[in-house]
Amino acid sequence: MPITRATATSLLNQREMALFDDSRANALRKLDEKALQARIARARDGRDRARDLVQRQKLGSRAATGSKRGTSGMANARSQEKAEVMADILARFQQQLAKCQ
């Protein structure tokens, strides 16, 4: 699923949006290897933080409702989307780094 800027804006904070903008095609081509490695580290931290939040929320939902998805079936969906966006950003940086090496 291609991630639009509007979707990313609704999910990410300013710092994460800067990473998103840097991971787009035109900006990505301008980055050297050292800059890519720094952004990979930041993106990995963001992805891990988002993924851990989803896990904690699932456990909390399970304790409260008996279901990982809550009573409506849509609990934690936004957090899951954010984790997927961050994983996509990380993948873009890693692909570009592989091309540089």
N, C-alpha and C. Protein backbone atom coordinates (compact mmCIF):
# COMPACT_ATOMS: atom_id res chain seq x y z
N MET A 1 0.84 -1.18 0.00
CA MET A 1 0.00 0.00 0.00
C MET A 1 0.89 1.24 0.00
N PRO A 2 0.79 2.08 -1.02
CA PRO A 2 1.57 3.32 -1.01
C PRO A 2 1.04 4.27 0.07
N ILE A 3 1.95 4.90 0.73
CA ILE A 3 1.59 5.78 1.84
C ILE A 3 1.63 7.21 1.34
N THR A 4 0.51 7.89 1.42
CA THR A 4 0.44 9.28 0.98
C THR A 4 0.91 10.19 2.10
N ARG A 5 1.27 11.40 1.72
CA ARG A 5 1.72 12.37 2.71
C ARG A 5 0.59 12.71 3.67
N ALA A 6 -0.63 12.77 3.17
CA ALA A 6 -1.78 13.07 4.03
C ALA A 6 -1.97 11.99 5.10
N THR A 7 -1.83 10.75 4.71
CA THR A 7 -1.94 9.65 5.67
C THR A 7 -0.83 9.73 6.71
N ALA A 8 0.39 9.98 6.23
CA ALA A 8 1.53 10.07 7.15
C ALA A 8 1.36 11.24 8.11
N THR A 9 0.86 12.38 7.62
CA THR A 9 0.68 13.55 8.47
C THR A 9 -0.30 13.27 9.60
N SER A 10 -1.32 12.48 9.32
CA SER A 10 -2.30 12.19 10.35
C SER A 10 -1.77 11.22 11.41
N LEU A 11 -0.71 10.50 11.09
CA LEU A 11 -0.19 9.49 12.02
C LEU A 11 1.09 9.89 12.74
N LEU A 12 1.94 10.68 12.07
CA LEU A 12 3.30 10.92 12.58
C LEU A 12 3.44 12.30 13.22
N ASN A 13 4.38 12.42 14.14
CA ASN A 13 4.70 13.72 14.71
C ASN A 13 5.70 14.44 13.80
N GLN A 14 6.12 15.65 14.17
CA GLN A 14 6.99 16.45 13.30
C GLN A 14 8.32 15.77 13.01
N ARG A 15 8.92 15.20 14.01
CA ARG A 15 10.23 14.55 13.83
C ARG A 15 10.11 13.34 12.90
N GLU A 16 9.04 12.58 13.08
CA GLU A 16 8.81 11.42 12.22
C GLU A 16 8.45 11.85 10.80
N MET A 17 7.75 12.98 10.68
CA MET A 17 7.42 13.49 9.35
C MET A 17 8.69 13.92 8.61
N ALA A 18 9.67 14.44 9.34
CA ALA A 18 10.94 14.80 8.71
C ALA A 18 11.60 13.55 8.14
N LEU A 19 11.53 12.44 8.87
CA LEU A 19 12.06 11.17 8.36
C LEU A 19 11.27 10.73 7.13
N PHE A 20 9.96 10.86 7.18
CA PHE A 20 9.12 10.49 6.04
C PHE A 20 9.51 11.30 4.81
N ASP A 21 9.67 12.61 4.99
CA ASP A 21 10.05 13.47 3.86
C ASP A 21 11.42 13.09 3.31
N ASP A 22 12.35 12.76 4.20
CA ASP A 22 13.69 12.35 3.76
C ASP A 22 13.67 11.01 3.04
N SER A 23 12.66 10.19 3.30
CA SER A 23 12.61 8.87 2.68
C SER A 23 11.92 8.88 1.31
N ARG A 24 11.46 10.03 0.88
CA ARG A 24 10.82 10.13 -0.43
C ARG A 24 11.90 10.16 -1.50
N ALA A 25 11.54 9.81 -2.71
CA ALA A 25 12.49 9.54 -3.80
C ALA A 25 13.50 10.67 -4.03
N ASN A 26 13.05 11.90 -4.20
CA ASN A 26 13.98 12.98 -4.53
C ASN A 26 14.95 13.27 -3.39
N ALA A 27 14.45 13.32 -2.17
CA ALA A 27 15.32 13.60 -1.03
C ALA A 27 16.25 12.43 -0.76
N LEU A 28 15.78 11.23 -1.01
CA LEU A 28 16.56 10.03 -0.74
C LEU A 28 17.82 9.95 -1.59
N ARG A 29 17.70 10.38 -2.83
CA ARG A 29 18.85 10.33 -3.75
C ARG A 29 19.98 11.27 -3.32
N LYS A 30 19.66 12.30 -2.57
CA LYS A 30 20.66 13.30 -2.17
C LYS A 30 21.47 12.88 -0.93
N LEU A 31 21.04 11.84 -0.25
CA LEU A 31 21.68 11.45 1.00
C LEU A 31 22.91 10.58 0.73
N ASP A 32 23.98 10.84 1.48
CA ASP A 32 25.16 10.00 1.37
C ASP A 32 25.04 8.85 2.38
N GLU A 33 26.04 7.99 2.39
CA GLU A 33 25.99 6.78 3.21
C GLU A 33 25.89 7.09 4.70
N LYS A 34 26.65 8.07 5.17
CA LYS A 34 26.63 8.41 6.59
C LYS A 34 25.26 8.96 7.00
N ALA A 35 24.68 9.81 6.17
CA ALA A 35 23.36 10.37 6.46
C ALA A 35 22.30 9.27 6.45
N LEU A 36 22.43 8.34 5.53
CA LEU A 36 21.48 7.22 5.48
C LEU A 36 21.56 6.38 6.74
N GLN A 37 22.78 6.11 7.21
CA GLN A 37 22.93 5.30 8.42
C GLN A 37 22.32 6.00 9.63
N ALA A 38 22.47 7.32 9.71
CA ALA A 38 21.88 8.07 10.82
C ALA A 38 20.36 8.01 10.75
N ARG A 39 19.82 8.15 9.57
CA ARG A 39 18.36 8.10 9.42
C ARG A 39 17.82 6.69 9.63
N ILE A 40 18.59 5.69 9.27
CA ILE A 40 18.18 4.30 9.54
C ILE A 40 18.08 4.08 11.04
N ALA A 41 19.04 4.59 11.79
CA ALA A 41 19.00 4.44 13.25
C ALA A 41 17.77 5.13 13.84
N ARG A 42 17.47 6.35 13.37
CA ARG A 42 16.30 7.08 13.85
C ARG A 42 15.01 6.36 13.46
N ALA A 43 14.95 5.88 12.23
CA ALA A 43 13.75 5.18 11.75
C ALA A 43 13.55 3.87 12.51
N ARG A 44 14.64 3.17 12.78
CA ARG A 44 14.54 1.90 13.52
C ARG A 44 14.04 2.16 14.94
N ASP A 45 14.54 3.22 15.57
CA ASP A 45 14.07 3.57 16.91
C ASP A 45 12.57 3.89 16.89
N GLY A 46 12.15 4.65 15.90
CA GLY A 46 10.73 5.00 15.78
C GLY A 46 9.86 3.79 15.51
N ARG A 47 10.33 2.91 14.63
CA ARG A 47 9.58 1.69 14.33
C ARG A 47 9.46 0.81 15.57
N ASP A 48 10.56 0.65 16.29
CA ASP A 48 10.54 -0.19 17.49
C ASP A 48 9.62 0.40 18.56
N ARG A 49 9.66 1.72 18.71
CA ARG A 49 8.81 2.39 19.70
C ARG A 49 7.33 2.19 19.34
N ALA A 50 7.00 2.36 18.06
CA ALA A 50 5.61 2.20 17.62
C ALA A 50 5.16 0.74 17.76
N ARG A 51 6.04 -0.18 17.40
CA ARG A 51 5.71 -1.60 17.48
C ARG A 51 5.50 -2.02 18.94
N ASP A 52 6.35 -1.51 19.84
CA ASP A 52 6.20 -1.83 21.26
C ASP A 52 4.90 -1.26 21.83
N LEU A 53 4.53 -0.05 21.37
CA LEU A 53 3.28 0.56 21.83
C LEU A 53 2.10 -0.30 21.40
N VAL A 54 2.11 -0.78 20.17
CA VAL A 54 1.03 -1.64 19.70
C VAL A 54 0.94 -2.88 20.56
N GLN A 55 2.06 -3.48 20.88
CA GLN A 55 2.07 -4.69 21.71
C GLN A 55 1.50 -4.41 23.10
N ARG A 56 1.91 -3.29 23.71
CA ARG A 56 1.39 -2.94 25.04
C ARG A 56 -0.11 -2.68 24.99
N GLN A 57 -0.56 -2.01 23.92
CA GLN A 57 -1.98 -1.73 23.79
C GLN A 57 -2.80 -3.01 23.60
N LYS A 58 -2.26 -3.94 22.83
CA LYS A 58 -2.95 -5.21 22.64
C LYS A 58 -3.11 -5.95 23.96
N LEU A 59 -2.04 -5.97 24.74
CA LEU A 59 -2.10 -6.64 26.03
C LEU A 59 -3.09 -5.94 26.96
N GLY A 60 -3.11 -4.60 26.91
CA GLY A 60 -4.07 -3.85 27.71
C GLY A 60 -5.50 -4.11 27.28
N SER A 61 -5.72 -4.18 25.97
CA SER A 61 -7.07 -4.47 25.45
C SER A 61 -7.50 -5.87 25.84
N ARG A 62 -6.58 -6.80 25.78
CA ARG A 62 -6.92 -8.18 26.15
C ARG A 62 -7.33 -8.25 27.61
N ALA A 63 -6.60 -7.55 28.47
CA ALA A 63 -6.93 -7.57 29.89
C ALA A 63 -8.28 -6.90 30.16
N ALA A 64 -8.57 -5.84 29.43
CA ALA A 64 -9.80 -5.09 29.68
C ALA A 64 -11.03 -5.72 29.03
N THR A 65 -10.88 -6.28 27.82
CA THR A 65 -12.05 -6.74 27.08
C THR A 65 -12.04 -8.23 26.77
N GLY A 66 -10.90 -8.87 26.93
CA GLY A 66 -10.81 -10.28 26.59
C GLY A 66 -10.46 -10.51 25.13
N SER A 67 -10.23 -9.43 24.38
CA SER A 67 -9.90 -9.53 22.96
C SER A 67 -8.77 -8.55 22.65
N LYS A 68 -7.84 -8.96 21.80
CA LYS A 68 -6.73 -8.08 21.45
C LYS A 68 -7.20 -6.87 20.64
N ARG A 69 -8.34 -6.99 20.00
CA ARG A 69 -8.84 -5.89 19.16
C ARG A 69 -9.93 -5.08 19.84
N GLY A 70 -10.14 -5.28 21.10
CA GLY A 70 -11.14 -4.51 21.83
C GLY A 70 -12.55 -4.94 21.48
N THR A 71 -13.51 -4.25 22.04
CA THR A 71 -14.90 -4.63 21.82
C THR A 71 -15.37 -4.29 20.41
N SER A 72 -14.83 -3.23 19.82
CA SER A 72 -15.27 -2.81 18.48
C SER A 72 -14.52 -3.54 17.37
N GLY A 73 -13.42 -4.18 17.71
CA GLY A 73 -12.62 -4.85 16.71
C GLY A 73 -11.64 -3.93 16.02
N MET A 74 -11.66 -2.66 16.35
CA MET A 74 -10.78 -1.68 15.71
C MET A 74 -9.81 -1.03 16.69
N ALA A 75 -9.75 -1.50 17.91
CA ALA A 75 -8.85 -0.92 18.89
C ALA A 75 -7.41 -1.04 18.41
N ASN A 76 -6.64 -0.04 18.63
CA ASN A 76 -5.21 -0.01 18.33
C ASN A 76 -4.91 0.03 16.83
N ALA A 77 -5.90 0.26 15.99
CA ALA A 77 -5.69 0.27 14.54
C ALA A 77 -4.76 1.41 14.13
N ARG A 78 -4.94 2.58 14.72
CA ARG A 78 -4.10 3.73 14.36
C ARG A 78 -2.65 3.48 14.74
N SER A 79 -2.43 2.91 15.89
CA SER A 79 -1.06 2.60 16.32
C SER A 79 -0.43 1.56 15.40
N GLN A 80 -1.21 0.60 14.96
CA GLN A 80 -0.72 -0.42 14.04
C GLN A 80 -0.34 0.22 12.69
N GLU A 81 -1.16 1.16 12.22
CA GLU A 81 -0.85 1.86 10.96
C GLU A 81 0.45 2.65 11.09
N LYS A 82 0.63 3.30 12.23
CA LYS A 82 1.84 4.07 12.45
C LYS A 82 3.06 3.16 12.44
N ALA A 83 2.97 2.01 13.06
CA ALA A 83 4.08 1.06 13.07
C ALA A 83 4.40 0.61 11.65
N GLU A 84 3.37 0.41 10.82
CA GLU A 84 3.59 0.01 9.43
C GLU A 84 4.24 1.12 8.61
N VAL A 85 3.83 2.37 8.85
CA VAL A 85 4.44 3.50 8.16
C VAL A 85 5.92 3.62 8.53
N MET A 86 6.22 3.48 9.80
CA MET A 86 7.61 3.57 10.24
C MET A 86 8.44 2.43 9.67
N ALA A 87 7.87 1.25 9.57
CA ALA A 87 8.58 0.11 8.98
C ALA A 87 8.85 0.37 7.49
N ASP A 88 7.90 1.00 6.81
CA ASP A 88 8.07 1.33 5.39
C ASP A 88 9.18 2.37 5.21
N ILE A 89 9.21 3.37 6.07
CA ILE A 89 10.26 4.39 6.01
C ILE A 89 11.63 3.74 6.19
N LEU A 90 11.73 2.87 7.18
CA LEU A 90 12.99 2.17 7.44
C LEU A 90 13.41 1.34 6.23
N ALA A 91 12.47 0.66 5.61
CA ALA A 91 12.79 -0.17 4.44
C ALA A 91 13.31 0.69 3.28
N ARG A 92 12.73 1.86 3.09
CA ARG A 92 13.20 2.75 2.02
C ARG A 92 14.65 3.18 2.24
N PHE A 93 14.96 3.55 3.49
CA PHE A 93 16.34 3.95 3.79
C PHE A 93 17.30 2.78 3.60
N GLN A 94 16.91 1.60 4.02
CA GLN A 94 17.78 0.44 3.89
C GLN A 94 18.00 0.07 2.43
N GLN A 95 16.98 0.19 1.61
CA GLN A 95 17.14 -0.10 0.17
C GLN A 95 18.11 0.89 -0.46
N GLN A 96 18.00 2.16 -0.10
CA GLN A 96 18.89 3.16 -0.67
C GLN A 96 20.32 2.93 -0.20
N LEU A 97 20.50 2.55 1.05
CA LEU A 97 21.84 2.26 1.56
C LEU A 97 22.45 1.08 0.80
N ALA A 98 21.66 0.07 0.51
CA ALA A 98 22.14 -1.08 -0.24
C ALA A 98 22.59 -0.65 -1.64
N LYS A 99 21.88 0.29 -2.24
CA LYS A 99 22.28 0.79 -3.57
C LYS A 99 23.59 1.56 -3.50
N CYS A 100 23.80 2.28 -2.41
CA CYS A 100 25.02 3.09 -2.25
C CYS A 100 26.26 2.24 -2.02
N GLN A 101 26.10 1.08 -1.43
CA GLN A 101 27.27 0.27 -1.06
C GLN A 101 27.73 -0.61 -2.14
